[in-house]
Amino acid sequence: SMGWYRQAPGKQRELVASITRNSNTNYADSVKGRFT
């Protein structure tokens, strides 16, 4: 799988979105509908 994480100053790194070899995707609730 590959994905994108993000980290803002003073905050922990969080998952933004990921995609598996089988094309399953996972998104953070905060970006659903906006990020692909």
PDB file of all heavy atoms in Angstrom:
ATOM      1  N   SER A   1       0.833  -1.182   0.000  1.00  0.00           N
ATOM      2  CA  SER A   1       0.000   0.000   0.000  1.00  0.00           C
ATOM      3  C   SER A   1       0.874   1.240   0.000  1.00  0.00           C
ATOM      4  O   SER A   1       2.028   1.211   0.419  1.00  0.00           O
ATOM      5  CB  SER A   1      -0.939   0.021   1.206  1.00  0.00           C
ATOM      6  OG  SER A   1      -0.216   0.153   2.411  1.00  0.00           O
ATOM      7  N   MET A   2       0.304   2.323  -0.459  1.00  0.00           N
ATOM      8  CA  MET A   2       0.952   3.615  -0.393  1.00  0.00           C
ATOM      9  C   MET A   2      -0.063   4.629   0.107  1.00  0.00           C
ATOM     10  O   MET A   2      -1.270   4.448  -0.061  1.00  0.00           O
ATOM     11  CB  MET A   2       1.513   4.043  -1.749  1.00  0.00           C
ATOM     12  CG  MET A   2       2.637   3.153  -2.242  1.00  0.00           C
ATOM     13  SD  MET A   2       3.396   3.735  -3.780  1.00  0.00           S
ATOM     14  CE  MET A   2       4.222   5.229  -3.194  1.00  0.00           C
ATOM     15  N   GLY A   3       0.439   5.659   0.712  1.00  0.00           N
ATOM     16  CA  GLY A   3      -0.470   6.646   1.243  1.00  0.00           C
ATOM     17  C   GLY A   3       0.205   7.960   1.530  1.00  0.00           C
ATOM     18  O   GLY A   3       1.411   8.132   1.324  1.00  0.00           O
ATOM     19  N   TRP A   4      -0.615   8.866   1.974  1.00  0.00           N
ATOM     20  CA  TRP A   4      -0.156  10.192   2.367  1.00  0.00           C
ATOM     21  C   TRP A   4      -0.530  10.449   3.812  1.00  0.00           C
ATOM     22  O   TRP A   4      -1.674  10.206   4.224  1.00  0.00           O
ATOM     23  CB  TRP A   4      -0.769  11.278   1.478  1.00  0.00           C
ATOM     24  CG  TRP A   4      -0.228  11.277   0.086  1.00  0.00           C
ATOM     25  CD1 TRP A   4      -0.734  10.639  -0.996  1.00  0.00           C
ATOM     26  CD2 TRP A   4       0.947  11.963  -0.361  1.00  0.00           C
ATOM     27  NE1 TRP A   4       0.039  10.877  -2.102  1.00  0.00           N
ATOM     28  CE2 TRP A   4       1.077  11.684  -1.744  1.00  0.00           C
ATOM     29  CE3 TRP A   4       1.889  12.782   0.262  1.00  0.00           C
ATOM     30  CZ2 TRP A   4       2.119  12.197  -2.506  1.00  0.00           C
ATOM     31  CZ3 TRP A   4       2.926  13.284  -0.504  1.00  0.00           C
ATOM     32  CH2 TRP A   4       3.037  12.992  -1.863  1.00  0.00           C
ATOM     33  N   TYR A   5       0.432  10.917   4.559  1.00  0.00           N
ATOM     34  CA  TYR A   5       0.241  11.355   5.927  1.00  0.00           C
ATOM     35  C   TYR A   5       0.593  12.827   6.004  1.00  0.00           C
ATOM     36  O   TYR A   5       1.292  13.357   5.145  1.00  0.00           O
ATOM     37  CB  TYR A   5       1.119  10.553   6.888  1.00  0.00           C
ATOM     38  CG  TYR A   5       0.727   9.104   7.052  1.00  0.00           C
ATOM     39  CD1 TYR A   5       0.905   8.186   6.019  1.00  0.00           C
ATOM     40  CD2 TYR A   5       0.189   8.643   8.256  1.00  0.00           C
ATOM     41  CE1 TYR A   5       0.548   6.855   6.170  1.00  0.00           C
ATOM     42  CE2 TYR A   5      -0.164   7.307   8.421  1.00  0.00           C
ATOM     43  CZ  TYR A   5       0.021   6.427   7.369  1.00  0.00           C
ATOM     44  OH  TYR A   5      -0.328   5.106   7.532  1.00  0.00           O
ATOM     45  N   ARG A   6       0.123  13.472   7.035  1.00  0.00           N
ATOM     46  CA  ARG A   6       0.477  14.872   7.225  1.00  0.00           C
ATOM     47  C   ARG A   6       0.732  15.153   8.688  1.00  0.00           C
ATOM     48  O   ARG A   6       0.208  14.481   9.572  1.00  0.00           O
ATOM     49  CB  ARG A   6      -0.605  15.806   6.677  1.00  0.00           C
ATOM     50  CG  ARG A   6      -1.921  15.765   7.430  1.00  0.00           C
ATOM     51  CD  ARG A   6      -2.965  16.607   6.711  1.00  0.00           C
ATOM     52  NE  ARG A   6      -4.238  16.624   7.413  1.00  0.00           N
ATOM     53  CZ  ARG A   6      -5.354  17.135   6.919  1.00  0.00           C
ATOM     54  NH1 ARG A   6      -5.350  17.697   5.710  1.00  0.00           N
ATOM     55  NH2 ARG A   6      -6.477  17.110   7.628  1.00  0.00           N
ATOM     56  N   GLN A   7       1.528  16.163   8.914  1.00  0.00           N
ATOM     57  CA  GLN A   7       1.869  16.557  10.268  1.00  0.00           C
ATOM     58  C   GLN A   7       1.947  18.071  10.348  1.00  0.00           C
ATOM     59  O   GLN A   7       2.739  18.696   9.650  1.00  0.00           O
ATOM     60  CB  GLN A   7       3.194  15.935  10.706  1.00  0.00           C
ATOM     61  CG  GLN A   7       3.534  16.155  12.167  1.00  0.00           C
ATOM     62  CD  GLN A   7       4.685  15.291  12.630  1.00  0.00           C
ATOM     63  OE1 GLN A   7       5.510  14.861  11.834  1.00  0.00           O
ATOM     64  NE2 GLN A   7       4.744  15.021  13.918  1.00  0.00           N
ATOM     65  N   ALA A   8       1.115  18.626  11.190  1.00  0.00           N
ATOM     66  CA  ALA A   8       1.141  20.047  11.467  1.00  0.00           C
ATOM     67  C   ALA A   8       1.998  20.295  12.700  1.00  0.00           C
ATOM     68  O   ALA A   8       2.183  19.396  13.531  1.00  0.00           O
ATOM     69  CB  ALA A   8      -0.275  20.577  11.680  1.00  0.00           C
ATOM     70  N   PRO A   9       2.532  21.503  12.858  1.00  0.00           N
ATOM     71  CA  PRO A   9       3.368  21.795  14.021  1.00  0.00           C
ATOM     72  C   PRO A   9       2.654  21.487  15.332  1.00  0.00           C
ATOM     73  O   PRO A   9       1.509  21.883  15.534  1.00  0.00           O
ATOM     74  CB  PRO A   9       3.658  23.291  13.881  1.00  0.00           C
ATOM     75  CG  PRO A   9       3.566  23.547  12.414  1.00  0.00           C
ATOM     76  CD  PRO A   9       2.454  22.653  11.937  1.00  0.00           C
ATOM     77  N   GLY A  10       3.336  20.771  16.209  1.00  0.00           N
ATOM     78  CA  GLY A  10       2.777  20.436  17.503  1.00  0.00           C
ATOM     79  C   GLY A  10       1.770  19.311  17.496  1.00  0.00           C
ATOM     80  O   GLY A  10       1.204  18.995  18.548  1.00  0.00           O
ATOM     81  N   LYS A  11       1.532  18.714  16.343  1.00  0.00           N
ATOM     82  CA  LYS A  11       0.568  17.639  16.255  1.00  0.00           C
ATOM     83  C   LYS A  11       1.221  16.361  15.754  1.00  0.00           C
ATOM     84  O   LYS A  11       2.291  16.382  15.153  1.00  0.00           O
ATOM     85  CB  LYS A  11      -0.591  18.025  15.328  1.00  0.00           C
ATOM     86  CG  LYS A  11      -1.452  19.162  15.845  1.00  0.00           C
ATOM     87  CD  LYS A  11      -2.663  19.374  14.967  1.00  0.00           C
ATOM     88  CE  LYS A  11      -3.579  20.442  15.532  1.00  0.00           C
ATOM     89  NZ  LYS A  11      -4.786  20.632  14.685  1.00  0.00           N
ATOM     90  N   GLN A  12       0.555  15.260  16.022  1.00  0.00           N
ATOM     91  CA  GLN A  12       1.052  13.963  15.605  1.00  0.00           C
ATOM     92  C   GLN A  12       0.760  13.729  14.123  1.00  0.00           C
ATOM     93  O   GLN A  12      -0.225  14.239  13.579  1.00  0.00           O
ATOM     94  CB  GLN A  12       0.413  12.872  16.458  1.00  0.00           C
ATOM     95  CG  GLN A  12       1.105  11.529  16.389  1.00  0.00           C
ATOM     96  CD  GLN A  12       0.675  10.595  17.503  1.00  0.00           C
ATOM     97  OE1 GLN A  12       1.417   9.709  17.887  1.00  0.00           O
ATOM     98  NE2 GLN A  12      -0.521  10.774  18.020  1.00  0.00           N
ATOM     99  N   ARG A  13       1.614  12.966  13.506  1.00  0.00           N
ATOM    100  CA  ARG A  13       1.399  12.620  12.116  1.00  0.00           C
ATOM    101  C   ARG A  13       0.127  11.789  11.982  1.00  0.00           C
ATOM    102  O   ARG A  13      -0.112  10.861  12.757  1.00  0.00           O
ATOM    103  CB  ARG A  13       2.609  11.850  11.573  1.00  0.00           C
ATOM    104  CG  ARG A  13       2.570  11.581  10.094  1.00  0.00           C
ATOM    105  CD  ARG A  13       3.857  10.919   9.621  1.00  0.00           C
ATOM    106  NE  ARG A  13       5.028  11.744   9.873  1.00  0.00           N
ATOM    107  CZ  ARG A  13       6.256  11.442   9.462  1.00  0.00           C
ATOM    108  NH1 ARG A  13       6.477  10.340   8.771  1.00  0.00           N
ATOM    109  NH2 ARG A  13       7.269  12.254   9.751  1.00  0.00           N
ATOM    110  N   GLU A  14      -0.687  12.116  10.995  1.00  0.00           N
ATOM    111  CA  GLU A  14      -1.947  11.429  10.805  1.00  0.00           C
ATOM    112  C   GLU A  14      -2.113  10.971   9.368  1.00  0.00           C
ATOM    113  O   GLU A  14      -1.605  11.591   8.433  1.00  0.00           O
ATOM    114  CB  GLU A  14      -3.124  12.339  11.193  1.00  0.00           C
ATOM    115  CG  GLU A  14      -3.267  13.564  10.308  1.00  0.00           C
ATOM    116  CD  GLU A  14      -4.507  14.377  10.612  1.00  0.00           C
ATOM    117  OE1 GLU A  14      -5.324  13.946  11.450  1.00  0.00           O
ATOM    118  OE2 GLU A  14      -4.666  15.462  10.007  1.00  0.00           O
ATOM    119  N   LEU A  15      -2.844   9.902   9.222  1.00  0.00           N
ATOM    120  CA  LEU A  15      -3.151   9.396   7.889  1.00  0.00           C
ATOM    121  C   LEU A  15      -4.124  10.328   7.194  1.00  0.00           C
ATOM    122  O   LEU A  15      -5.146  10.718   7.758  1.00  0.00           O
ATOM    123  CB  LEU A  15      -3.746   7.995   7.977  1.00  0.00           C
ATOM    124  CG  LEU A  15      -4.263   7.408   6.659  1.00  0.00           C
ATOM    125  CD1 LEU A  15      -3.106   7.090   5.723  1.00  0.00           C
ATOM    126  CD2 LEU A  15      -5.108   6.167   6.907  1.00  0.00           C
ATOM    127  N   VAL A  16      -3.816  10.664   5.960  1.00  0.00           N
ATOM    128  CA  VAL A  16      -4.719  11.439   5.121  1.00  0.00           C
ATOM    129  C   VAL A  16      -5.484  10.509   4.188  1.00  0.00           C
ATOM    130  O   VAL A  16      -6.715  10.546   4.124  1.00  0.00           O
ATOM    131  CB  VAL A  16      -3.967  12.501   4.309  1.00  0.00           C
ATOM    132  CG1 VAL A  16      -4.930  13.271   3.405  1.00  0.00           C
ATOM    133  CG2 VAL A  16      -3.223  13.451   5.241  1.00  0.00           C
ATOM    134  N   ALA A  17      -4.761   9.695   3.467  1.00  0.00           N
ATOM    135  CA  ALA A  17      -5.374   8.761   2.531  1.00  0.00           C
ATOM    136  C   ALA A  17      -4.380   7.669   2.197  1.00  0.00           C
ATOM    137  O   ALA A  17      -3.173   7.887   2.211  1.00  0.00           O
ATOM    138  CB  ALA A  17      -5.823   9.472   1.250  1.00  0.00           C
ATOM    139  N   SER A  18      -4.894   6.500   1.896  1.00  0.00           N
ATOM    140  CA  SER A  18      -4.045   5.389   1.500  1.00  0.00           C
ATOM    141  C   SER A  18      -4.751   4.570   0.440  1.00  0.00           C
ATOM    142  O   SER A  18      -5.983   4.610   0.308  1.00  0.00           O
ATOM    143  CB  SER A  18      -3.670   4.509   2.697  1.00  0.00           C
ATOM    144  OG  SER A  18      -4.815   3.889   3.253  1.00  0.00           O
ATOM    145  N   ILE A  19      -3.958   3.825  -0.295  1.00  0.00           N
ATOM    146  CA  ILE A  19      -4.502   2.951  -1.323  1.00  0.00           C
ATOM    147  C   ILE A  19      -3.680   1.675  -1.347  1.00  0.00           C
ATOM    148  O   ILE A  19      -2.452   1.706  -1.289  1.00  0.00           O
ATOM    149  CB  ILE A  19      -4.524   3.650  -2.705  1.00  0.00           C
ATOM    150  CG1 ILE A  19      -5.189   2.760  -3.756  1.00  0.00           C
ATOM    151  CG2 ILE A  19      -3.120   4.067  -3.133  1.00  0.00           C
ATOM    152  CD1 ILE A  19      -5.524   3.498  -5.042  1.00  0.00           C
ATOM    153  N   THR A  20      -4.359   0.547  -1.411  1.00  0.00           N
ATOM    154  CA  THR A  20      -3.691  -0.742  -1.381  1.00  0.00           C
ATOM    155  C   THR A  20      -3.443  -1.262  -2.784  1.00  0.00           C
ATOM    156  O   THR A  20      -3.913  -0.692  -3.782  1.00  0.00           O
ATOM    157  CB  THR A  20      -4.511  -1.780  -0.611  1.00  0.00           C
ATOM    158  OG1 THR A  20      -5.684  -2.119  -1.376  1.00  0.00           O
ATOM    159  CG2 THR A  20      -4.924  -1.256   0.755  1.00  0.00           C
ATOM    160  N   ARG A  21      -2.723  -2.368  -2.838  1.00  0.00           N
ATOM    161  CA  ARG A  21      -2.464  -3.022  -4.107  1.00  0.00           C
ATOM    162  C   ARG A  21      -3.764  -3.411  -4.803  1.00  0.00           C
ATOM    163  O   ARG A  21      -3.836  -3.442  -6.036  1.00  0.00           O
ATOM    164  CB  ARG A  21      -1.582  -4.253  -3.870  1.00  0.00           C
ATOM    165  CG  ARG A  21      -1.263  -5.053  -5.082  1.00  0.00           C
ATOM    166  CD  ARG A  21      -0.405  -6.255  -4.727  1.00  0.00           C
ATOM    167  NE  ARG A  21       0.948  -5.870  -4.334  1.00  0.00           N
ATOM    168  CZ  ARG A  21       1.896  -6.735  -4.005  1.00  0.00           C
ATOM    169  NH1 ARG A  21       1.642  -8.044  -4.007  1.00  0.00           N
ATOM    170  NH2 ARG A  21       3.103  -6.304  -3.659  1.00  0.00           N
ATOM    171  N   ASN A  22      -4.794  -3.702  -4.014  1.00  0.00           N
ATOM    172  CA  ASN A  22      -6.099  -4.074  -4.547  1.00  0.00           C
ATOM    173  C   ASN A  22      -7.009  -2.882  -4.802  1.00  0.00           C
ATOM    174  O   ASN A  22      -8.202  -3.058  -5.042  1.00  0.00           O
ATOM    175  CB  ASN A  22      -6.789  -5.043  -3.590  1.00  0.00           C
ATOM    176  CG  ASN A  22      -6.027  -6.339  -3.424  1.00  0.00           C
ATOM    177  OD1 ASN A  22      -5.408  -6.826  -4.364  1.00  0.00           O
ATOM    178  ND2 ASN A  22      -6.071  -6.896  -2.224  1.00  0.00           N
ATOM    179  N   SER A  23      -6.452  -1.683  -4.710  1.00  0.00           N
ATOM    180  CA  SER A  23      -7.165  -0.436  -4.982  1.00  0.00           C
ATOM    181  C   SER A  23      -8.189  -0.070  -3.920  1.00  0.00           C
ATOM    182  O   SER A  23      -9.070   0.757  -4.170  1.00  0.00           O
ATOM    183  CB  SER A  23      -7.830  -0.481  -6.364  1.00  0.00           C
ATOM    184  OG  SER A  23      -6.864  -0.601  -7.385  1.00  0.00           O
ATOM    185  N   ASN A  24      -8.095  -0.661  -2.753  1.00  0.00           N
ATOM    186  CA  ASN A  24      -8.921  -0.222  -1.648  1.00  0.00           C
ATOM    187  C   ASN A  24      -8.365   1.087  -1.101  1.00  0.00           C
ATOM    188  O   ASN A  24      -7.160   1.220  -0.905  1.00  0.00           O
ATOM    189  CB  ASN A  24      -8.953  -1.259  -0.532  1.00  0.00           C
ATOM    190  CG  ASN A  24      -9.598  -2.555  -0.966  1.00  0.00           C
ATOM    191  OD1 ASN A  24      -9.020  -3.628  -0.828  1.00  0.00           O
ATOM    192  ND2 ASN A  24     -10.812  -2.464  -1.495  1.00  0.00           N
ATOM    193  N   THR A  25      -9.234   2.028  -0.848  1.00  0.00           N
ATOM    194  CA  THR A  25      -8.814   3.330  -0.366  1.00  0.00           C
ATOM    195  C   THR A  25      -9.344   3.598   1.024  1.00  0.00           C
ATOM    196  O   THR A  25     -10.379   3.058   1.436  1.00  0.00           O
ATOM    197  CB  THR A  25      -9.270   4.447  -1.312  1.00  0.00           C
ATOM    198  OG1 THR A  25     -10.696   4.395  -1.459  1.00  0.00           O
ATOM    199  CG2 THR A  25      -8.619   4.294  -2.672  1.00  0.00           C
ATOM    200  N   ASN A  26      -8.631   4.445   1.722  1.00  0.00           N
ATOM    201  CA  ASN A  26      -9.024   4.847   3.059  1.00  0.00           C
ATOM    202  C   ASN A  26      -8.702   6.327   3.212  1.00  0.00           C
ATOM    203  O   ASN A  26      -7.610   6.761   2.843  1.00  0.00           O
ATOM    204  CB  ASN A  26      -8.287   4.021   4.115  1.00  0.00           C
ATOM    205  CG  ASN A  26      -8.785   4.282   5.516  1.00  0.00           C
ATOM    206  OD1 ASN A  26      -9.968   4.538   5.720  1.00  0.00           O
ATOM    207  ND2 ASN A  26      -7.898   4.197   6.497  1.00  0.00           N
ATOM    208  N   TYR A  27      -9.649   7.081   3.742  1.00  0.00           N
ATOM    209  CA  TYR A  27      -9.482   8.517   3.896  1.00  0.00           C
ATOM    210  C   TYR A  27      -9.779   8.946   5.315  1.00  0.00           C
ATOM    211  O   TYR A  27     -10.648   8.385   5.987  1.00  0.00           O
ATOM    212  CB  TYR A  27     -10.424   9.283   2.969  1.00  0.00           C
ATOM    213  CG  TYR A  27     -10.166   9.099   1.498  1.00  0.00           C
ATOM    214  CD1 TYR A  27     -10.818   8.106   0.777  1.00  0.00           C
ATOM    215  CD2 TYR A  27      -9.280   9.927   0.820  1.00  0.00           C
ATOM    216  CE1 TYR A  27     -10.593   7.941  -0.575  1.00  0.00           C
ATOM    217  CE2 TYR A  27      -9.049   9.768  -0.531  1.00  0.00           C
ATOM    218  CZ  TYR A  27      -9.704   8.776  -1.227  1.00  0.00           C
ATOM    219  OH  TYR A  27      -9.476   8.623  -2.574  1.00  0.00           O
ATOM    220  N   ALA A  28      -9.053   9.958   5.742  1.00  0.00           N
ATOM    221  CA  ALA A  28      -9.424  10.606   6.988  1.00  0.00           C
ATOM    222  C   ALA A  28     -10.776  11.280   6.819  1.00  0.00           C
ATOM    223  O   ALA A  28     -11.101  11.786   5.740  1.00  0.00           O
ATOM    224  CB  ALA A  28      -8.366  11.639   7.379  1.00  0.00           C
ATOM    225  N   ASP A  29     -11.555  11.282   7.877  1.00  0.00           N
ATOM    226  CA  ASP A  29     -12.881  11.891   7.803  1.00  0.00           C
ATOM    227  C   ASP A  29     -12.820  13.350   7.366  1.00  0.00           C
ATOM    228  O   ASP A  29     -13.710  13.840   6.666  1.00  0.00           O
ATOM    229  CB  ASP A  29     -13.591  11.786   9.150  1.00  0.00           C
ATOM    230  CG  ASP A  29     -14.024  10.376   9.479  1.00  0.00           C
ATOM    231  OD1 ASP A  29     -14.120   9.542   8.556  1.00  0.00           O
ATOM    232  OD2 ASP A  29     -14.279  10.102  10.663  1.00  0.00           O
ATOM    233  N   SER A  30     -11.773  14.031   7.763  1.00  0.00           N
ATOM    234  CA  SER A  30     -11.659  15.451   7.479  1.00  0.00           C
ATOM    235  C   SER A  30     -11.431  15.771   6.006  1.00  0.00           C
ATOM    236  O   SER A  30     -11.612  16.921   5.591  1.00  0.00           O
ATOM    237  CB  SER A  30     -10.528  16.066   8.311  1.00  0.00           C
ATOM    238  OG  SER A  30      -9.291  15.446   8.013  1.00  0.00           O
ATOM    239  N   VAL A  31     -11.043  14.773   5.211  1.00  0.00           N
ATOM    240  CA  VAL A  31     -10.753  15.032   3.805  1.00  0.00           C
ATOM    241  C   VAL A  31     -11.687  14.292   2.867  1.00  0.00           C
ATOM    242  O   VAL A  31     -11.595  14.478   1.641  1.00  0.00           O
ATOM    243  CB  VAL A  31      -9.291  14.691   3.454  1.00  0.00           C
ATOM    244  CG1 VAL A  31      -8.336  15.396   4.401  1.00  0.00           C
ATOM    245  CG2 VAL A  31      -9.059  13.183   3.470  1.00  0.00           C
ATOM    246  N   LYS A  32     -12.568  13.484   3.387  1.00  0.00           N
ATOM    247  CA  LYS A  32     -13.492  12.735   2.541  1.00  0.00           C
ATOM    248  C   LYS A  32     -14.332  13.683   1.690  1.00  0.00           C
ATOM    249  O   LYS A  32     -14.866  14.671   2.184  1.00  0.00           O
ATOM    250  CB  LYS A  32     -14.399  11.853   3.388  1.00  0.00           C
ATOM    251  CG  LYS A  32     -13.713  10.639   3.973  1.00  0.00           C
ATOM    252  CD  LYS A  32     -14.676   9.796   4.804  1.00  0.00           C
ATOM    253  CE  LYS A  32     -13.987   8.574   5.370  1.00  0.00           C
ATOM    254  NZ  LYS A  32     -14.885   7.782   6.237  1.00  0.00           N
ATOM    255  N   GLY A  33     -14.420  13.367   0.424  1.00  0.00           N
ATOM    256  CA  GLY A  33     -15.167  14.195  -0.496  1.00  0.00           C
ATOM    257  C   GLY A  33     -14.362  15.314  -1.106  1.00  0.00           C
ATOM    258  O   GLY A  33     -14.816  15.939  -2.074  1.00  0.00           O
ATOM    259  N   ARG A  34     -13.183  15.583  -0.564  1.00  0.00           N
ATOM    260  CA  ARG A  34     -12.337  16.652  -1.078  1.00  0.00           C
ATOM    261  C   ARG A  34     -11.043  16.134  -1.695  1.00  0.00           C
ATOM    262  O   ARG A  34     -10.564  16.700  -2.675  1.00  0.00           O
ATOM    263  CB  ARG A  34     -11.983  17.648   0.031  1.00  0.00           C
ATOM    264  CG  ARG A  34     -13.190  18.334   0.650  1.00  0.00           C
ATOM    265  CD  ARG A  34     -12.765  19.450   1.592  1.00  0.00           C
ATOM    266  NE  ARG A  34     -11.997  18.944   2.732  1.00  0.00           N
ATOM    267  CZ  ARG A  34     -10.761  19.317   3.021  1.00  0.00           C
ATOM    268  NH1 ARG A  34     -10.134  20.211   2.270  1.00  0.00           N
ATOM    269  NH2 ARG A  34     -10.144  18.811   4.089  1.00  0.00           N
ATOM    270  N   PHE A  35     -10.486  15.081  -1.114  1.00  0.00           N
ATOM    271  CA  PHE A  35      -9.221  14.528  -1.582  1.00  0.00           C
ATOM    272  C   PHE A  35      -9.463  13.198  -2.272  1.00  0.00           C
ATOM    273  O   PHE A  35     -10.362  12.430  -1.889  1.00  0.00           O
ATOM    274  CB  PHE A  35      -8.257  14.298  -0.419  1.00  0.00           C
ATOM    275  CG  PHE A  35      -7.745  15.549   0.248  1.00  0.00           C
ATOM    276  CD1 PHE A  35      -8.249  16.800  -0.055  1.00  0.00           C
ATOM    277  CD2 PHE A  35      -6.739  15.448   1.201  1.00  0.00           C
ATOM    278  CE1 PHE A  35      -7.779  17.937   0.573  1.00  0.00           C
ATOM    279  CE2 PHE A  35      -6.255  16.582   1.832  1.00  0.00           C
ATOM    280  CZ  PHE A  35      -6.772  17.829   1.526  1.00  0.00           C
ATOM    281  N   THR A  36      -8.653  12.914  -3.259  1.00  0.00           N
ATOM    282  CA  THR A  36      -8.712  11.639  -3.959  1.00  0.00           C
ATOM    283  C   THR A  36      -7.308  11.097  -4.139  1.00  0.00           C
ATOM    284  O   THR A  36      -6.436  11.790  -4.662  1.00  0.00           O
ATOM    285  CB  THR A  36      -9.388  11.779  -5.333  1.00  0.00           C
ATOM    286  OG1 THR A  36     -10.704  12.320  -5.175  1.00  0.00           O
ATOM    287  CG2 THR A  36      -9.488  10.413  -6.010  1.00  0.00           C
TER     288      THR A  36
END
